[in-house]
Amino acid sequence: FYGGTIYRFKVENKQGVPVAGAKVRWQIASTIKSAEERAAAMPETQTDENGLASLPFKVTGNSDAAKSMRRLNFMSNQAIILRIEHSDHPPVLHNLASVDQDAITLPEATTIEIRAVDEHNKPLSRLYPDYHAQQRDWSEKEGVLTLRNVDLSSHSRAWRLRILQIPEAGPALYSDLIELKEQSGNTIKMDATLRPGVRVEGKLDAQVPRPVKGGQVVGIACSEKLGSVWQATADIAADGTFVFESLPAEKHLQVVAVCDGWTSKKPAIAELEQYGKEHPVVTKNFAEELQHQSNWMQLHCLQSPSTELNVPMERAAACEVTVLDRHERPIPGVAVAFLPGWYNFWRGVITVGYERDRLADIRQELTTGQPPKPLTKLAGPFIATTNDKGVAIVTTLPATGDAQLRITMFQVLAEEYSAVGEYSLDPIRGNLEMLMSPPLTAGQTAKRTVYMRKDSDPPPPPADPDSFPLKENPFSAVAD
């Protein structure tokens, strides 16, 4: 993109007819921090009467957009996303790397009408449709939900739909999961019967000292089908108990819990294999799937109308991080944030403290009329701030073991400073400010030293590539 590039393309419908007046904008997928920067990096254009549009990628000058684009000097066009919107079509996202000389095809719009009743065939109000869409347009009237502009054909299409009835207080009602890939037509009408979900009452095992401090738990209700997941979060009380008030009546519940000095114990491969024999699950080979994972969630069977859980726990690991400047002086006030991940068998990795409670989010959306904003601030039990000696200790980390790929990533964030990476003397920028922890052992404290440089400092000289990764102060060869 250096020197500027103009990207030209065509937008058409499924019949090959050019789509005029489609709004097109681009955004950088992962390197922009603030909303202001994202807005500056997303210039808009429209397709003309022939469905043609052009987007300029300008990297010269001092505009916010140019500064944002210069952050792509180490990335490919994989980082660039096109968003295309038109009133007659569902909005779509396209990765620039996947768009060739052919036209971008907009999906057809489908309207879905659902009549929702309870087990006694009584119409329900305060309904909510749970489905994936780039932009949702729906309304409720007299027990009927109407979903408009639904995408059932593109790579971003809605695969499944679940209808909920959300009272102002108390447990929700849920429909069975509706497979949308089996539906077709411009207008689809269907009936849905909603039933009570499952209440989960859990407790940490007895070896965790009471009162429990700083306890949090994440649960994921899921079936054996990929994509059928429902997430819940809860605080753990001082007596070690927690409650998930209402979950869909799925077959499995994945759980991870943490509290001060303790984390949930990952089940052994043999335990998971035995569970898989007793209950159908997506994973067919646990040993193969988990060979590069440090930690994974526990698997429990959900039983209606209520399920009681005992969550096995183990002592957590700790990590002491010392943050120094180029002169080996401590830097106080630096936020050290670890991002330990627990693998779940249906949708990747979760981190306690960064996860959402789906039912709470829906209640908020029904009250305010707006979906909850994404979590952007550092949160959770894995954060500490350096003291006057430049030292921060995070005490509630899951053990990783010594395997090469079993690492925990963390960030160091401070005003006017940038961290120096293990494999480069250049500062690490944007959302890529990630460093690797040493191996973490349960009940022990690992140590790590991180160097930061002031943004106003001159860059250090190039280092010998054979010296990477950097073990000593990377600034030792820099003249004062």
Protein backbone atom coordinates (compact mmCIF):
# COMPACT_ATOMS: atom_id res chain seq x y z
CA PHE A 1 0.00 0.00 0.00
CA TYR A 2 2.98 2.35 0.14
CA GLY A 3 2.57 5.31 -2.20
CA GLY A 4 -1.18 4.73 -2.33
CA THR A 5 -3.35 2.14 -4.04
CA ILE A 6 -6.83 2.33 -5.58
CA TYR A 7 -8.86 -0.86 -5.34
CA ARG A 8 -11.70 -1.17 -7.89
CA PHE A 9 -14.43 -3.82 -7.85
CA LYS A 10 -18.03 -4.58 -8.84
CA VAL A 11 -21.06 -5.43 -6.71
CA GLU A 12 -23.97 -7.45 -8.11
CA ASN A 13 -26.91 -9.60 -6.96
CA LYS A 14 -27.27 -13.37 -7.38
CA GLN A 15 -28.75 -12.89 -10.84
CA GLY A 16 -25.67 -10.98 -11.98
CA VAL A 17 -27.44 -7.61 -12.06
CA PRO A 18 -25.25 -4.68 -10.91
CA VAL A 19 -26.27 -3.22 -7.54
CA ALA A 20 -26.21 0.60 -7.58
CA GLY A 21 -26.07 2.69 -4.41
CA ALA A 22 -24.45 0.02 -2.21
CA LYS A 23 -22.45 1.59 0.64
CA VAL A 24 -18.90 0.26 0.77
CA ARG A 25 -16.28 0.85 3.43
CA TRP A 26 -13.15 -0.86 4.62
CA GLN A 27 -11.66 -1.41 8.03
CA ILE A 28 -8.47 -2.81 9.51
CA ALA A 29 -9.25 -6.05 11.26
CA SER A 30 -6.96 -6.04 14.27
CA THR A 31 -4.49 -3.18 14.57
CA ILE A 32 -6.68 -0.17 15.41
CA LYS A 33 -7.28 0.59 19.09
CA SER A 34 -9.70 3.48 19.50
CA ALA A 35 -13.12 4.12 18.00
CA GLU A 36 -11.80 7.41 16.61
CA GLU A 37 -8.99 5.67 14.78
CA ARG A 38 -11.33 3.02 13.43
CA ALA A 39 -13.68 5.70 12.11
CA ALA A 40 -10.79 7.52 10.45
CA ALA A 41 -9.63 4.27 8.85
CA MET A 42 -13.02 3.50 7.31
CA PRO A 43 -13.66 5.91 4.42
CA GLU A 44 -16.96 5.23 2.66
CA THR A 45 -17.91 5.12 -1.00
CA GLN A 46 -20.91 3.92 -3.04
CA THR A 47 -21.33 1.81 -6.13
CA ASP A 48 -22.35 3.71 -9.26
CA GLU A 49 -25.15 2.82 -11.68
CA ASN A 50 -22.99 0.00 -13.04
CA GLY A 51 -22.32 -1.45 -9.59
CA LEU A 52 -18.69 -0.24 -9.65
CA ALA A 53 -16.80 1.25 -6.71
CA SER A 54 -13.27 2.40 -5.90
CA LEU A 55 -11.51 2.63 -2.55
CA PRO A 56 -8.30 4.64 -2.15
CA PHE A 57 -5.70 3.34 0.30
CA LYS A 58 -3.58 6.38 1.14
CA VAL A 59 -0.57 5.89 3.38
CA THR A 60 1.28 9.16 2.87
CA GLY A 61 0.65 12.33 4.85
CA ASN A 62 -0.34 12.87 8.48
CA SER A 63 -4.07 12.16 8.43
CA ASP A 64 -5.43 9.65 10.94
CA ALA A 65 -6.32 7.30 8.07
CA ALA A 66 -2.77 7.45 6.68
CA LYS A 67 -1.27 6.82 10.14
CA SER A 68 -3.58 3.85 10.59
CA MET A 69 -2.66 2.42 7.22
CA ARG A 70 1.07 2.67 7.99
CA ARG A 71 0.49 0.20 10.80
CA LEU A 72 -0.03 -2.39 8.08
CA ASN A 73 3.62 -2.34 7.08
CA PHE A 74 4.09 -5.75 8.69
CA MET A 75 0.78 -7.26 7.60
CA SER A 76 -0.80 -8.46 4.34
CA ASN A 77 -4.21 -7.68 2.93
CA GLN A 78 -5.54 -10.41 5.21
CA ALA A 79 -6.01 -7.56 7.71
CA ILE A 80 -8.46 -5.60 5.55
CA ILE A 81 -12.20 -6.20 5.64
CA LEU A 82 -14.77 -4.77 3.21
CA ARG A 83 -18.29 -4.13 4.53
CA ILE A 84 -21.01 -3.74 1.90
CA GLU A 85 -24.54 -2.57 2.76
CA HIS A 86 -27.68 -2.08 0.66
CA SER A 87 -31.28 -1.66 1.79
CA ASP A 88 -32.49 -4.58 -0.38
CA HIS A 89 -29.82 -7.03 0.78
CA PRO A 90 -28.28 -8.30 4.01
CA PRO A 91 -24.92 -6.64 4.75
CA VAL A 92 -21.83 -8.73 4.02
CA LEU A 93 -18.18 -8.72 5.05
CA HIS A 94 -15.40 -9.66 2.63
CA ASN A 95 -11.75 -10.20 3.43
CA LEU A 96 -9.74 -8.29 0.84
CA ALA A 97 -7.46 -11.27 0.32
CA SER A 98 -10.44 -13.38 -0.80
CA VAL A 99 -11.79 -10.84 -3.32
CA ASP A 100 -10.48 -11.38 -6.84
CA GLN A 101 -11.36 -9.75 -10.17
CA ASP A 102 -14.87 -11.21 -10.13
CA ALA A 103 -17.79 -9.25 -8.73
CA ILE A 104 -18.81 -9.37 -5.08
CA THR A 105 -22.24 -10.97 -4.90
CA LEU A 106 -24.80 -9.75 -2.37
CA PRO A 107 -27.11 -12.41 -0.87
CA GLU A 108 -30.87 -12.35 -1.26
CA ALA A 109 -32.97 -11.06 1.65
CA THR A 110 -35.30 -13.47 3.46
CA THR A 111 -38.14 -12.61 5.86
CA ILE A 112 -38.87 -15.12 8.64
CA GLU A 113 -42.08 -15.04 10.70
CA ILE A 114 -42.28 -17.17 13.87
CA ARG A 115 -45.37 -17.71 16.02
CA ALA A 116 -44.13 -18.47 19.56
CA VAL A 117 -46.23 -20.27 22.21
CA ASP A 118 -45.58 -22.01 25.52
CA GLU A 119 -46.18 -25.70 26.27
CA HIS A 120 -49.90 -24.97 26.72
CA ASN A 121 -50.16 -23.25 23.32
CA LYS A 122 -50.44 -19.81 24.95
CA PRO A 123 -48.97 -16.92 22.93
CA LEU A 124 -45.93 -15.28 24.50
CA SER A 125 -44.57 -11.73 24.67
CA ARG A 126 -41.08 -10.33 25.39
CA LEU A 127 -39.64 -12.57 22.70
CA TYR A 128 -36.09 -12.49 21.41
CA PRO A 129 -34.56 -14.16 18.31
CA ASP A 130 -31.03 -15.46 18.84
CA TYR A 131 -29.24 -15.84 15.50
CA HIS A 132 -26.07 -14.71 13.75
CA ALA A 133 -26.26 -11.69 11.44
CA GLN A 134 -24.04 -8.79 10.47
CA GLN A 135 -27.03 -6.53 11.10
CA ARG A 136 -30.28 -7.59 12.77
CA ASP A 137 -33.70 -6.19 11.88
CA TRP A 138 -36.60 -7.70 13.81
CA SER A 139 -39.83 -6.84 15.62
CA GLU A 140 -42.45 -8.53 17.80
CA LYS A 141 -46.24 -8.12 17.62
CA GLU A 142 -48.97 -10.25 19.22
CA GLY A 143 -46.78 -13.29 19.79
CA VAL A 144 -45.22 -13.22 16.31
CA LEU A 145 -41.57 -12.44 15.67
CA THR A 146 -40.66 -11.01 12.26
CA LEU A 147 -37.04 -11.18 11.12
CA ARG A 148 -36.17 -9.09 8.07
CA ASN A 149 -33.26 -9.02 5.68
CA VAL A 150 -31.95 -12.40 6.85
CA ASP A 151 -28.99 -13.87 4.96
CA LEU A 152 -29.44 -17.59 4.24
CA SER A 153 -27.00 -18.02 1.35
CA SER A 154 -23.63 -16.25 1.79
CA HIS A 155 -20.58 -17.46 3.72
CA SER A 156 -21.77 -15.25 6.61
CA ARG A 157 -25.29 -16.66 6.59
CA ALA A 158 -27.41 -17.42 9.64
CA TRP A 159 -27.12 -21.16 10.26
CA ARG A 160 -29.35 -21.60 13.29
CA LEU A 161 -32.07 -19.77 15.19
CA ARG A 162 -33.37 -20.03 18.74
CA ILE A 163 -36.40 -18.13 20.09
CA LEU A 164 -36.45 -17.00 23.73
CA GLN A 165 -39.05 -15.55 26.03
CA ILE A 166 -37.34 -13.23 28.51
CA PRO A 167 -39.37 -12.17 31.55
CA GLU A 168 -38.28 -9.04 33.40
CA ALA A 169 -37.10 -11.34 36.19
CA GLY A 170 -36.77 -15.09 36.56
CA PRO A 171 -35.80 -17.91 34.21
CA ALA A 172 -36.22 -17.74 30.45
CA LEU A 173 -38.08 -20.06 28.07
CA TYR A 174 -36.29 -21.52 25.05
CA SER A 175 -37.27 -23.05 21.74
CA ASP A 176 -35.43 -25.98 20.25
CA LEU A 177 -32.62 -25.02 17.91
CA ILE A 178 -34.03 -24.30 14.41
CA GLU A 179 -31.78 -25.30 11.49
CA LEU A 180 -32.03 -22.45 8.96
CA LYS A 181 -29.94 -24.21 6.34
CA GLU A 182 -32.97 -26.43 5.76
CA GLN A 183 -35.16 -23.38 5.00
CA SER A 184 -35.58 -21.60 1.66
CA GLY A 185 -37.73 -18.91 0.03
CA ASN A 186 -38.10 -15.15 0.30
CA THR A 187 -40.67 -15.49 3.12
CA ILE A 188 -40.62 -18.32 5.68
CA LYS A 189 -43.33 -18.92 8.30
CA MET A 190 -42.98 -21.33 11.22
CA ASP A 191 -44.24 -22.15 14.72
CA ALA A 192 -42.03 -22.53 17.80
CA THR A 193 -42.88 -24.00 21.21
CA LEU A 194 -40.86 -22.56 24.10
CA ARG A 195 -40.04 -24.58 27.22
CA PRO A 196 -38.22 -23.99 30.53
CA GLY A 197 -34.45 -24.32 30.54
CA VAL A 198 -32.09 -25.92 33.06
CA ARG A 199 -31.03 -24.39 36.39
CA VAL A 200 -27.46 -25.22 37.43
CA GLU A 201 -26.34 -25.12 41.07
CA GLY A 202 -22.61 -25.65 41.49
CA LYS A 203 -19.88 -25.54 44.12
CA LEU A 204 -16.11 -25.69 44.23
CA ASP A 205 -14.65 -28.82 45.76
CA ALA A 206 -13.84 -28.84 49.47
CA GLN A 207 -10.05 -28.37 49.20
CA VAL A 208 -10.54 -24.67 48.29
CA PRO A 209 -10.38 -22.70 51.56
CA ARG A 210 -13.48 -20.76 52.59
CA PRO A 211 -14.30 -17.94 52.37
CA VAL A 212 -13.65 -18.00 48.63
CA LYS A 213 -12.31 -14.71 47.26
CA GLY A 214 -12.51 -13.31 43.74
CA GLY A 215 -14.35 -16.32 42.35
CA GLN A 216 -15.70 -16.34 38.80
CA VAL A 217 -17.10 -19.15 36.66
CA VAL A 218 -17.94 -19.47 32.96
CA GLY A 219 -20.30 -22.12 31.62
CA ILE A 220 -21.04 -23.06 28.00
CA ALA A 221 -24.15 -25.12 27.31
CA CYS A 222 -23.83 -26.98 24.02
CA SER A 223 -25.18 -29.87 22.00
CA GLU A 224 -23.15 -32.26 19.87
CA LYS A 225 -23.70 -29.89 16.91
CA LEU A 226 -21.03 -27.32 16.09
CA GLY A 227 -22.22 -23.76 16.62
CA SER A 228 -24.91 -24.64 19.16
CA VAL A 229 -23.51 -22.88 22.21
CA TRP A 230 -24.89 -20.72 25.01
CA GLN A 231 -22.60 -18.89 27.40
CA ALA A 232 -23.24 -17.93 31.03
CA THR A 233 -21.08 -16.30 33.70
CA ALA A 234 -21.50 -16.02 37.45
CA ASP A 235 -19.66 -14.86 40.55
CA ILE A 236 -18.73 -17.53 43.09
CA ALA A 237 -20.03 -16.84 46.60
CA ALA A 238 -17.84 -16.88 49.70
CA ASP A 239 -19.11 -20.39 50.54
CA GLY A 240 -17.91 -21.65 47.12
CA THR A 241 -21.34 -21.93 45.49
CA PHE A 242 -22.63 -20.45 42.22
CA VAL A 243 -25.83 -20.54 40.16
CA PHE A 244 -26.63 -20.42 36.46
CA GLU A 245 -30.29 -19.46 36.69
CA SER A 246 -31.38 -20.56 33.23
CA LEU A 247 -29.60 -22.39 30.41
CA PRO A 248 -31.04 -23.99 27.26
CA ALA A 249 -31.74 -27.67 27.78
CA GLU A 250 -28.70 -28.82 25.82
CA LYS A 251 -26.79 -32.02 26.47
CA HIS A 252 -23.43 -30.77 27.73
CA LEU A 253 -22.05 -28.04 29.97
CA GLN A 254 -18.42 -26.94 29.77
CA VAL A 255 -17.14 -25.19 32.89
CA VAL A 256 -14.06 -23.23 33.96
CA ALA A 257 -13.73 -21.57 37.37
CA VAL A 258 -11.09 -19.43 39.07
CA CYS A 259 -10.70 -17.87 42.51
CA ASP A 260 -7.84 -16.40 44.50
CA GLY A 261 -4.98 -18.90 44.21
CA TRP A 262 -7.03 -21.65 42.54
CA THR A 263 -8.23 -22.69 39.08
CA SER A 264 -10.53 -25.47 37.92
CA LYS A 265 -8.70 -28.71 37.27
CA LYS A 266 -8.54 -29.82 33.67
CA PRO A 267 -9.88 -33.35 33.22
CA ALA A 268 -7.47 -36.06 32.14
CA ILE A 269 -7.67 -37.33 28.56
CA ALA A 270 -8.93 -40.69 29.85
CA GLU A 271 -11.79 -38.95 31.69
CA LEU A 272 -12.79 -37.08 28.54
CA GLU A 273 -12.66 -40.24 26.46
CA GLN A 274 -14.90 -42.01 28.96
CA TYR A 275 -17.32 -39.06 28.89
CA GLY A 276 -17.35 -39.24 25.08
CA LYS A 277 -18.30 -42.92 25.21
CA GLU A 278 -21.24 -42.17 27.51
CA HIS A 279 -22.42 -38.95 25.79
CA PRO A 280 -22.21 -38.11 22.05
CA VAL A 281 -19.82 -35.18 21.53
CA VAL A 282 -18.29 -33.40 18.55
CA THR A 283 -14.73 -34.41 19.39
CA LYS A 284 -13.81 -37.91 18.27
CA ASN A 285 -10.16 -37.93 19.35
CA PHE A 286 -9.46 -35.93 22.50
CA ALA A 287 -5.74 -36.81 22.60
CA GLU A 288 -5.15 -35.50 19.08
CA GLU A 289 -7.26 -32.38 19.53
CA LEU A 290 -5.61 -31.38 22.80
CA GLN A 291 -1.98 -32.20 22.00
CA HIS A 292 -1.03 -28.50 21.70
CA GLN A 293 -3.41 -27.12 24.34
CA SER A 294 -2.32 -26.07 27.81
CA ASN A 295 -5.73 -26.08 29.46
CA TRP A 296 -9.26 -27.06 28.61
CA MET A 297 -12.69 -26.81 30.18
CA GLN A 298 -14.42 -29.48 32.20
CA LEU A 299 -17.30 -31.41 30.61
CA HIS A 300 -20.49 -32.13 32.56
CA CYS A 301 -23.84 -33.59 31.53
CA LEU A 302 -26.86 -31.25 31.70
CA GLN A 303 -30.03 -32.76 33.14
CA SER A 304 -33.46 -31.09 33.22
CA PRO A 305 -34.97 -29.39 35.13
CA SER A 306 -31.90 -28.82 37.35
CA THR A 307 -28.30 -29.97 37.52
CA GLU A 308 -25.94 -30.04 40.50
CA LEU A 309 -22.20 -29.70 39.89
CA ASN A 310 -19.07 -30.24 41.93
CA VAL A 311 -16.12 -28.46 40.27
CA PRO A 312 -12.69 -30.07 40.94
CA MET A 313 -10.02 -27.43 41.57
CA GLU A 314 -6.21 -27.25 41.77
CA ARG A 315 -3.70 -24.69 42.99
CA ALA A 316 -2.96 -21.92 40.52
CA ALA A 317 0.42 -20.83 39.22
CA ALA A 318 1.79 -17.31 39.65
CA CYS A 319 4.05 -15.12 37.55
CA GLU A 320 6.22 -12.23 38.74
CA VAL A 321 6.85 -9.71 35.96
CA THR A 322 9.55 -7.04 36.35
CA VAL A 323 9.33 -4.08 33.96
CA LEU A 324 12.48 -2.02 33.31
CA ASP A 325 13.47 0.83 31.02
CA ARG A 326 16.59 1.08 28.83
CA HIS A 327 18.68 2.08 31.86
CA GLU A 328 17.57 -0.94 33.94
CA ARG A 329 15.37 1.36 36.03
CA PRO A 330 11.99 0.05 37.24
CA ILE A 331 8.84 1.49 35.66
CA PRO A 332 5.98 1.75 38.17
CA GLY A 333 2.33 1.89 37.21
CA VAL A 334 2.53 -0.52 34.25
CA ALA A 335 -0.55 -2.70 33.71
CA VAL A 336 0.47 -6.37 33.34
CA ALA A 337 -2.45 -8.32 31.90
CA PHE A 338 -2.31 -12.07 31.28
CA LEU A 339 -4.65 -13.75 28.81
CA PRO A 340 -4.78 -17.41 29.85
CA GLY A 341 -7.02 -19.44 27.60
CA TRP A 342 -9.11 -22.52 28.32
CA TYR A 343 -9.86 -24.52 25.21
CA ASN A 344 -13.52 -25.38 24.72
CA PHE A 345 -14.59 -28.15 22.41
CA TRP A 346 -17.11 -26.14 20.40
CA ARG A 347 -15.73 -22.66 19.69
CA GLY A 348 -12.07 -22.12 20.38
CA VAL A 349 -10.63 -20.54 23.54
CA ILE A 350 -12.16 -18.50 26.37
CA THR A 351 -10.61 -16.31 29.06
CA VAL A 352 -12.37 -15.80 32.39
CA GLY A 353 -13.21 -12.14 32.96
CA TYR A 354 -13.43 -11.37 29.22
CA GLU A 355 -16.55 -13.46 28.56
CA ARG A 356 -20.20 -12.37 28.35
CA ASP A 357 -23.36 -13.69 30.00
CA ARG A 358 -25.76 -14.20 27.09
CA LEU A 359 -28.98 -13.93 29.11
CA ALA A 360 -27.84 -10.73 30.85
CA ASP A 361 -26.87 -9.23 27.48
CA ILE A 362 -30.30 -10.02 26.00
CA ARG A 363 -32.09 -8.50 28.98
CA GLN A 364 -30.03 -5.34 28.56
CA GLU A 365 -30.81 -5.19 24.84
CA LEU A 366 -34.55 -5.58 25.43
CA THR A 367 -34.43 -2.81 28.06
CA THR A 368 -32.28 -0.29 26.17
CA GLY A 369 -33.08 -1.21 22.58
CA GLN A 370 -29.35 -1.48 21.84
CA PRO A 371 -27.05 -4.52 21.87
CA PRO A 372 -24.34 -4.41 24.57
CA LYS A 373 -21.06 -2.86 23.55
CA PRO A 374 -18.07 -5.19 23.14
CA LEU A 375 -15.78 -5.63 26.12
CA THR A 376 -12.74 -3.47 25.40
CA LYS A 377 -11.20 -2.69 28.80
CA LEU A 378 -8.77 -4.96 30.59
CA ALA A 379 -10.71 -7.01 33.10
CA GLY A 380 -10.63 -10.25 35.05
CA PRO A 381 -8.44 -11.76 37.78
CA PHE A 382 -5.26 -11.88 35.70
CA ILE A 383 -4.19 -8.24 35.94
CA ALA A 384 -1.71 -6.50 38.25
CA THR A 385 0.11 -3.15 38.27
CA THR A 386 3.86 -2.75 38.81
CA ASN A 387 4.97 -1.24 42.14
CA ASP A 388 7.84 1.18 42.78
CA LYS A 389 10.28 -1.65 42.06
CA GLY A 390 8.67 -2.30 38.68
CA VAL A 391 7.26 -5.63 39.90
CA ALA A 392 3.76 -7.01 39.36
CA ILE A 393 2.62 -10.45 40.52
CA VAL A 394 -0.39 -12.24 39.04
CA THR A 395 -1.37 -15.11 41.31
CA THR A 396 -4.31 -16.89 39.67
CA LEU A 397 -2.95 -18.48 36.49
CA PRO A 398 -3.54 -21.99 35.16
CA ALA A 399 -0.46 -24.19 34.92
CA THR A 400 0.88 -24.67 31.38
CA GLY A 401 3.53 -27.35 31.69
CA ASP A 402 6.79 -27.34 29.71
CA ALA A 403 5.56 -28.14 26.18
CA GLN A 404 6.87 -25.65 23.63
CA LEU A 405 3.46 -24.55 22.36
CA ARG A 406 1.87 -24.42 25.81
CA ILE A 407 2.39 -20.78 26.64
CA THR A 408 0.34 -17.98 28.13
CA MET A 409 0.33 -14.59 26.45
CA PHE A 410 0.37 -11.31 28.33
CA GLN A 411 0.47 -7.56 27.71
CA VAL A 412 2.37 -4.70 29.36
CA LEU A 413 0.69 -1.32 28.88
CA ALA A 414 1.88 2.11 30.02
CA GLU A 415 1.48 5.70 28.88
CA GLU A 416 4.41 6.94 26.78
CA TYR A 417 6.10 3.50 26.75
CA SER A 418 6.10 0.54 24.36
CA ALA A 419 7.19 -2.99 25.13
CA VAL A 420 10.16 -4.52 23.31
CA GLY A 421 9.48 -7.96 21.87
CA GLU A 422 11.57 -11.08 22.35
CA TYR A 423 12.44 -11.30 18.67
CA SER A 424 12.81 -7.61 17.80
CA LEU A 425 14.22 -4.39 19.20
CA ASP A 426 11.29 -2.52 17.68
CA PRO A 427 8.41 -1.56 19.99
CA ILE A 428 5.32 -3.72 19.76
CA ARG A 429 2.30 -1.68 18.70
CA GLY A 430 -1.48 -1.78 18.72
CA ASN A 431 -3.41 -4.91 19.66
CA LEU A 432 -0.29 -6.96 18.99
CA GLU A 433 1.41 -6.00 22.28
CA MET A 434 1.67 -9.65 23.28
CA LEU A 435 4.53 -11.38 25.09
CA MET A 436 5.06 -14.99 26.14
CA SER A 437 5.19 -16.17 29.73
CA PRO A 438 7.72 -18.71 30.99
CA PRO A 439 6.36 -22.18 31.80
CA LEU A 440 3.81 -21.98 34.63
CA THR A 441 3.72 -24.67 37.34
CA ALA A 442 0.87 -25.13 39.82
CA GLY A 443 1.75 -23.75 43.25
CA GLN A 444 4.94 -22.05 42.02
CA THR A 445 5.90 -18.52 40.92
CA ALA A 446 7.61 -18.05 37.55
CA LYS A 447 9.59 -14.88 36.78
CA ARG A 448 9.86 -12.76 33.66
CA THR A 449 11.62 -9.45 32.90
CA VAL A 450 10.22 -7.11 30.26
CA TYR A 451 11.94 -4.04 28.82
CA MET A 452 10.09 -0.98 27.59
CA ARG A 453 11.30 2.12 25.85
CA LYS A 454 9.88 5.61 25.84
CA ASP A 455 8.06 6.47 22.65
CA SER A 456 10.18 9.63 22.45
CA ASP A 457 13.49 7.71 22.63
CA PRO A 458 15.54 7.20 19.45
CA PRO A 459 15.32 3.67 18.05
CA PRO A 460 18.12 1.27 19.07
CA PRO A 461 20.60 0.01 16.43
CA PRO A 462 19.88 -3.24 14.60
CA ALA A 463 20.72 -6.34 16.58
CA ASP A 464 22.46 -9.46 15.41
CA PRO A 465 19.67 -11.85 14.26
CA ASP A 466 21.67 -14.75 15.65
CA SER A 467 21.20 -13.29 19.15
CA PHE A 468 17.40 -13.73 19.09
CA PRO A 469 15.48 -14.33 21.24
CA LEU A 470 16.78 -11.49 23.37
CA LYS A 471 17.74 -12.72 26.84
CA GLU A 472 19.54 -9.65 28.17
CA ASN A 473 18.71 -5.96 28.21
CA PRO A 474 18.22 -5.20 24.48
CA PHE A 475 19.37 -1.63 25.02
CA SER A 476 22.79 -2.52 26.48
CA ALA A 477 24.57 -1.52 23.25
CA VAL A 478 22.79 1.82 22.96
CA ALA A 479 24.82 4.91 23.84
CA ASP A 480 23.33 7.18 26.51
